[in-house]
Amino acid sequence: MKYVIVLADGMSDRPLDSLGGKTPLEVAETPNMDLIARKGRCGLLQTLYPGLPHDSGVANMTILGYDARSEYPGRAPLEAGNLGVDLGPADVAFRCNLVSVEDDKIVDFTSDHITTEEARILVDELSAHLGVEGVEFYCGVSYRHIMILREKYSSEVECNPPHDIIGAPMWGKLPKSPG
């Protein structure tokens, strides 16, 4: 038997005042999804947990059968693996997003969906100026990149996801480390 699992990541969206407090999905006409639901099996699955990011990385690990509460490494190690970056047991991978800043505030966490070609130039510059032994930058796709801290650096770095701090003063939200 063959199975197809459809993950409509982000489809639920948030209620909008302009839609009378409903989500876009609630007001959309969905004949094809309705057909799939009628002909398939539907159910609910707990994919997000308190204390973990409410994002697709956690949900997808759960869908694939992992217990994200004990095995979720964060998004960056998964993306580093996708880029072919080998990580040692004491290495730490971070997502390194290129963002747009105006008046010292983050205004766009996607850098207006910068092209990968443009981003590669910036990531190469980051690597040239900030990359030292044990600190490595890898170009990903569009605004999404990876920074690796090899084992001699602290893994106790506190970071703020850029999409959580839109409009906030950038300087108070930069990564921090006790070491």
C-alpha atoms as a PDB file:
ATOM      1  CA  MET A   1       0.000   0.000   0.000  1.00  0.00           C
ATOM      2  CA  LYS A   2       1.221   3.497  -0.796  1.00  0.00           C
ATOM      3  CA  TYR A   3       0.630   6.527   1.378  1.00  0.00           C
ATOM      4  CA  VAL A   4       0.698  10.233   0.755  1.00  0.00           C
ATOM      5  CA  ILE A   5       0.972  12.536   3.734  1.00  0.00           C
ATOM      6  CA  VAL A   6      -0.014  16.117   2.988  1.00  0.00           C
ATOM      7  CA  LEU A   7       1.497  18.679   5.326  1.00  0.00           C
ATOM      8  CA  ALA A   8      -0.099  22.054   4.808  1.00  0.00           C
ATOM      9  CA  ASP A   9       2.563  23.910   6.791  1.00  0.00           C
ATOM     10  CA  GLY A  10       1.286  27.291   7.945  1.00  0.00           C
ATOM     11  CA  MET A  11      -2.051  26.837   6.245  1.00  0.00           C
ATOM     12  CA  SER A  12      -4.102  27.454   9.375  1.00  0.00           C
ATOM     13  CA  ASP A  13      -2.802  31.032   9.577  1.00  0.00           C
ATOM     14  CA  ARG A  14      -4.172  33.569  12.066  1.00  0.00           C
ATOM     15  CA  PRO A  15      -7.610  35.180  12.340  1.00  0.00           C
ATOM     16  CA  LEU A  16      -7.860  38.530  10.571  1.00  0.00           C
ATOM     17  CA  ASP A  17     -10.111  41.433  11.525  1.00  0.00           C
ATOM     18  CA  SER A  18     -10.746  42.047   7.825  1.00  0.00           C
ATOM     19  CA  LEU A  19     -12.264  38.553   7.610  1.00  0.00           C
ATOM     20  CA  GLY A  20     -14.507  38.977  10.628  1.00  0.00           C
ATOM     21  CA  GLY A  21     -12.093  37.237  12.978  1.00  0.00           C
ATOM     22  CA  LYS A  22     -11.757  34.200  10.723  1.00  0.00           C
ATOM     23  CA  THR A  23      -8.625  32.783   9.130  1.00  0.00           C
ATOM     24  CA  PRO A  24      -8.092  32.833   5.357  1.00  0.00           C
ATOM     25  CA  LEU A  25      -8.597  29.064   5.364  1.00  0.00           C
ATOM     26  CA  GLU A  26     -11.950  29.383   7.127  1.00  0.00           C
ATOM     27  CA  VAL A  27     -13.319  31.648   4.397  1.00  0.00           C
ATOM     28  CA  ALA A  28     -11.636  29.950   1.433  1.00  0.00           C
ATOM     29  CA  GLU A  29     -13.438  27.651  -0.946  1.00  0.00           C
ATOM     30  CA  THR A  30     -11.551  24.367  -0.731  1.00  0.00           C
ATOM     31  CA  PRO A  31     -13.186  21.827  -3.076  1.00  0.00           C
ATOM     32  CA  ASN A  32      -9.972  19.896  -3.741  1.00  0.00           C
ATOM     33  CA  MET A  33      -9.029  19.650  -0.076  1.00  0.00           C
ATOM     34  CA  ASP A  34     -12.601  18.639   0.716  1.00  0.00           C
ATOM     35  CA  LEU A  35     -12.382  15.861  -1.890  1.00  0.00           C
ATOM     36  CA  ILE A  36      -9.071  14.597  -0.498  1.00  0.00           C
ATOM     37  CA  ALA A  37     -10.524  14.627   3.018  1.00  0.00           C
ATOM     38  CA  ARG A  38     -13.596  12.653   1.920  1.00  0.00           C
ATOM     39  CA  LYS A  39     -11.578  10.012   0.076  1.00  0.00           C
ATOM     40  CA  GLY A  40      -8.740   9.715   2.585  1.00  0.00           C
ATOM     41  CA  ARG A  41      -8.290   9.402   6.302  1.00  0.00           C
ATOM     42  CA  CYS A  42      -8.152  12.456   8.488  1.00  0.00           C
ATOM     43  CA  GLY A  43      -6.941  12.781  12.018  1.00  0.00           C
ATOM     44  CA  LEU A  44      -5.223  15.001  14.506  1.00  0.00           C
ATOM     45  CA  LEU A  45      -1.661  14.699  15.733  1.00  0.00           C
ATOM     46  CA  GLN A  46       0.118  16.626  18.470  1.00  0.00           C
ATOM     47  CA  THR A  47       3.163  17.982  16.619  1.00  0.00           C
ATOM     48  CA  LEU A  48       4.105  20.987  18.752  1.00  0.00           C
ATOM     49  CA  TYR A  49       5.102  20.984  22.396  1.00  0.00           C
ATOM     50  CA  PRO A  50       5.511  23.532  25.192  1.00  0.00           C
ATOM     51  CA  GLY A  51       9.104  24.697  25.482  1.00  0.00           C
ATOM     52  CA  LEU A  52       9.942  24.000  21.834  1.00  0.00           C
ATOM     53  CA  PRO A  53       9.692  26.417  18.918  1.00  0.00           C
ATOM     54  CA  HIS A  54       6.299  26.367  17.237  1.00  0.00           C
ATOM     55  CA  ASP A  55       7.709  25.851  13.773  1.00  0.00           C
ATOM     56  CA  SER A  56       7.767  23.338  10.966  1.00  0.00           C
ATOM     57  CA  GLY A  57      11.080  21.824  12.094  1.00  0.00           C
ATOM     58  CA  VAL A  58       9.516  20.486  15.291  1.00  0.00           C
ATOM     59  CA  ALA A  59       6.308  19.446  13.544  1.00  0.00           C
ATOM     60  CA  ASN A  60       8.095  17.647  10.712  1.00  0.00           C
ATOM     61  CA  MET A  61      10.310  15.676  13.102  1.00  0.00           C
ATOM     62  CA  THR A  62       7.189  14.552  14.946  1.00  0.00           C
ATOM     63  CA  ILE A  63       5.483  13.560  11.683  1.00  0.00           C
ATOM     64  CA  LEU A  64       8.550  11.480  10.786  1.00  0.00           C
ATOM     65  CA  GLY A  65       8.295   9.564  14.061  1.00  0.00           C
ATOM     66  CA  TYR A  66      10.872  11.338  16.216  1.00  0.00           C
ATOM     67  CA  ASP A  67      10.138  12.566  19.715  1.00  0.00           C
ATOM     68  CA  ALA A  68      10.969  16.224  19.189  1.00  0.00           C
ATOM     69  CA  ARG A  69      10.892  16.812  22.955  1.00  0.00           C
ATOM     70  CA  SER A  70      14.097  14.807  23.342  1.00  0.00           C
ATOM     71  CA  GLU A  71      15.596  14.774  19.844  1.00  0.00           C
ATOM     72  CA  TYR A  72      14.946  18.188  18.262  1.00  0.00           C
ATOM     73  CA  PRO A  73      18.366  19.693  17.500  1.00  0.00           C
ATOM     74  CA  GLY A  74      16.986  22.974  16.188  1.00  0.00           C
ATOM     75  CA  ARG A  75      16.563  23.971  12.572  1.00  0.00           C
ATOM     76  CA  ALA A  76      20.189  24.874  11.855  1.00  0.00           C
ATOM     77  CA  PRO A  77      21.798  21.406  12.244  1.00  0.00           C
ATOM     78  CA  LEU A  78      19.203  19.964   9.868  1.00  0.00           C
ATOM     79  CA  GLU A  79      19.860  22.706   7.321  1.00  0.00           C
ATOM     80  CA  ALA A  80      23.637  22.336   7.775  1.00  0.00           C
ATOM     81  CA  GLY A  81      23.295  18.645   6.964  1.00  0.00           C
ATOM     82  CA  ASN A  82      21.321  19.546   3.861  1.00  0.00           C
ATOM     83  CA  LEU A  83      24.236  21.769   2.784  1.00  0.00           C
ATOM     84  CA  GLY A  84      26.696  18.890   3.326  1.00  0.00           C
ATOM     85  CA  VAL A  85      28.299  20.465   6.404  1.00  0.00           C
ATOM     86  CA  ASP A  86      29.680  17.896   8.834  1.00  0.00           C
ATOM     87  CA  LEU A  87      29.177  18.657  12.515  1.00  0.00           C
ATOM     88  CA  GLY A  88      31.219  17.217  15.358  1.00  0.00           C
ATOM     89  CA  PRO A  89      29.606  16.334  18.695  1.00  0.00           C
ATOM     90  CA  ALA A  90      30.688  19.646  20.280  1.00  0.00           C
ATOM     91  CA  ASP A  91      29.942  21.857  17.254  1.00  0.00           C
ATOM     92  CA  VAL A  92      26.946  24.180  17.244  1.00  0.00           C
ATOM     93  CA  ALA A  93      25.033  25.239  14.140  1.00  0.00           C
ATOM     94  CA  PHE A  94      23.042  28.469  13.934  1.00  0.00           C
ATOM     95  CA  ARG A  95      20.672  29.812  11.326  1.00  0.00           C
ATOM     96  CA  CYS A  96      22.235  32.987  10.007  1.00  0.00           C
ATOM     97  CA  ASN A  97      19.483  34.990   8.310  1.00  0.00           C
ATOM     98  CA  LEU A  98      20.203  38.043   6.222  1.00  0.00           C
ATOM     99  CA  VAL A  99      17.779  40.754   7.337  1.00  0.00           C
ATOM    100  CA  SER A 100      16.856  44.281   6.280  1.00  0.00           C
ATOM    101  CA  VAL A 101      17.526  47.024   8.811  1.00  0.00           C
ATOM    102  CA  GLU A 102      16.329  50.635   8.791  1.00  0.00           C
ATOM    103  CA  ASP A 103      17.057  53.108  11.586  1.00  0.00           C
ATOM    104  CA  ASP A 104      18.739  50.291  13.565  1.00  0.00           C
ATOM    105  CA  LYS A 105      15.521  48.227  13.533  1.00  0.00           C
ATOM    106  CA  ILE A 106      14.860  44.965  11.730  1.00  0.00           C
ATOM    107  CA  VAL A 107      12.175  45.672   9.149  1.00  0.00           C
ATOM    108  CA  ASP A 108      12.286  42.454   7.111  1.00  0.00           C
ATOM    109  CA  PHE A 109      13.582  39.088   8.302  1.00  0.00           C
ATOM    110  CA  THR A 110      13.868  37.840   4.685  1.00  0.00           C
ATOM    111  CA  SER A 111      15.959  40.706   3.329  1.00  0.00           C
ATOM    112  CA  ASP A 112      13.175  41.176   0.775  1.00  0.00           C
ATOM    113  CA  HIS A 113      13.765  37.570  -0.346  1.00  0.00           C
ATOM    114  CA  ILE A 114      17.266  38.349  -1.546  1.00  0.00           C
ATOM    115  CA  THR A 115      18.475  36.121  -4.370  1.00  0.00           C
ATOM    116  CA  THR A 116      20.922  33.366  -3.531  1.00  0.00           C
ATOM    117  CA  GLU A 117      23.472  34.924  -5.888  1.00  0.00           C
ATOM    118  CA  GLU A 118      23.281  38.276  -4.054  1.00  0.00           C
ATOM    119  CA  ALA A 119      23.317  36.525  -0.690  1.00  0.00           C
ATOM    120  CA  ARG A 120      26.433  34.535  -1.572  1.00  0.00           C
ATOM    121  CA  ILE A 121      28.358  37.815  -1.965  1.00  0.00           C
ATOM    122  CA  LEU A 122      27.261  38.938   1.514  1.00  0.00           C
ATOM    123  CA  VAL A 123      27.944  35.561   3.136  1.00  0.00           C
ATOM    124  CA  ASP A 124      31.414  35.526   1.560  1.00  0.00           C
ATOM    125  CA  GLU A 125      32.021  39.005   3.034  1.00  0.00           C
ATOM    126  CA  LEU A 126      30.800  37.832   6.453  1.00  0.00           C
ATOM    127  CA  SER A 127      33.152  34.894   6.246  1.00  0.00           C
ATOM    128  CA  ALA A 128      36.072  37.105   5.205  1.00  0.00           C
ATOM    129  CA  HIS A 129      35.545  39.576   8.071  1.00  0.00           C
ATOM    130  CA  LEU A 130      34.071  37.469  10.880  1.00  0.00           C
ATOM    131  CA  GLY A 131      35.117  33.947   9.996  1.00  0.00           C
ATOM    132  CA  VAL A 132      38.077  32.937  12.112  1.00  0.00           C
ATOM    133  CA  GLU A 133      39.298  29.483  13.022  1.00  0.00           C
ATOM    134  CA  GLY A 134      36.288  27.716  14.484  1.00  0.00           C
ATOM    135  CA  VAL A 135      33.696  30.168  13.089  1.00  0.00           C
ATOM    136  CA  GLU A 136      32.393  29.224   9.651  1.00  0.00           C
ATOM    137  CA  PHE A 137      29.668  30.650   7.411  1.00  0.00           C
ATOM    138  CA  TYR A 138      27.861  28.654   4.731  1.00  0.00           C
ATOM    139  CA  CYS A 139      25.616  30.046   2.030  1.00  0.00           C
ATOM    140  CA  GLY A 140      22.178  28.492   1.887  1.00  0.00           C
ATOM    141  CA  VAL A 141      19.217  29.723  -0.129  1.00  0.00           C
ATOM    142  CA  SER A 142      17.935  33.294  -0.366  1.00  0.00           C
ATOM    143  CA  TYR A 143      18.134  34.841   3.136  1.00  0.00           C
ATOM    144  CA  ARG A 144      18.703  31.525   5.006  1.00  0.00           C
ATOM    145  CA  HIS A 145      22.312  30.634   5.817  1.00  0.00           C
ATOM    146  CA  ILE A 146      24.319  28.754   8.424  1.00  0.00           C
ATOM    147  CA  MET A 147      27.019  29.712  10.916  1.00  0.00           C
ATOM    148  CA  ILE A 148      28.978  26.961  12.660  1.00  0.00           C
ATOM    149  CA  LEU A 149      30.817  27.407  15.947  1.00  0.00           C
ATOM    150  CA  ARG A 150      33.316  24.590  16.241  1.00  0.00           C
ATOM    151  CA  GLU A 151      34.007  22.937  19.580  1.00  0.00           C
ATOM    152  CA  LYS A 152      36.249  25.608  21.138  1.00  0.00           C
ATOM    153  CA  TYR A 153      33.375  28.096  21.320  1.00  0.00           C
ATOM    154  CA  SER A 154      30.575  28.178  23.863  1.00  0.00           C
ATOM    155  CA  SER A 155      27.318  26.517  22.950  1.00  0.00           C
ATOM    156  CA  GLU A 156      25.507  28.773  25.423  1.00  0.00           C
ATOM    157  CA  VAL A 157      24.748  31.487  22.896  1.00  0.00           C
ATOM    158  CA  GLU A 158      21.363  33.171  23.192  1.00  0.00           C
ATOM    159  CA  CYS A 159      19.800  34.235  19.914  1.00  0.00           C
ATOM    160  CA  ASN A 160      16.567  35.911  18.904  1.00  0.00           C
ATOM    161  CA  PRO A 161      14.873  34.694  15.736  1.00  0.00           C
ATOM    162  CA  PRO A 162      14.647  37.747  13.461  1.00  0.00           C
ATOM    163  CA  HIS A 163      10.976  37.103  12.674  1.00  0.00           C
ATOM    164  CA  ASP A 164      10.228  37.513  16.401  1.00  0.00           C
ATOM    165  CA  ILE A 165      11.820  40.959  16.685  1.00  0.00           C
ATOM    166  CA  ILE A 166      10.539  42.898  13.676  1.00  0.00           C
ATOM    167  CA  GLY A 167      10.569  46.587  14.594  1.00  0.00           C
ATOM    168  CA  ALA A 168      12.734  46.067  17.688  1.00  0.00           C
ATOM    169  CA  PRO A 169      16.018  47.932  18.149  1.00  0.00           C
ATOM    170  CA  MET A 170      18.604  45.593  16.646  1.00  0.00           C
ATOM    171  CA  TRP A 171      21.465  46.352  19.023  1.00  0.00           C
ATOM    172  CA  GLY A 172      19.682  44.992  22.078  1.00  0.00           C
ATOM    173  CA  LYS A 173      18.801  41.762  20.277  1.00  0.00           C
ATOM    174  CA  LEU A 174      22.171  40.602  18.946  1.00  0.00           C
ATOM    175  CA  PRO A 175      23.422  37.128  19.988  1.00  0.00           C
ATOM    176  CA  LYS A 176      24.867  36.954  23.502  1.00  0.00           C
ATOM    177  CA  SER A 177      27.223  34.483  25.118  1.00  0.00           C
ATOM    178  CA  PRO A 178      28.509  34.146  28.669  1.00  0.00           C
ATOM    179  CA  GLY A 179      31.970  33.272  27.330  1.00  0.00           C
END
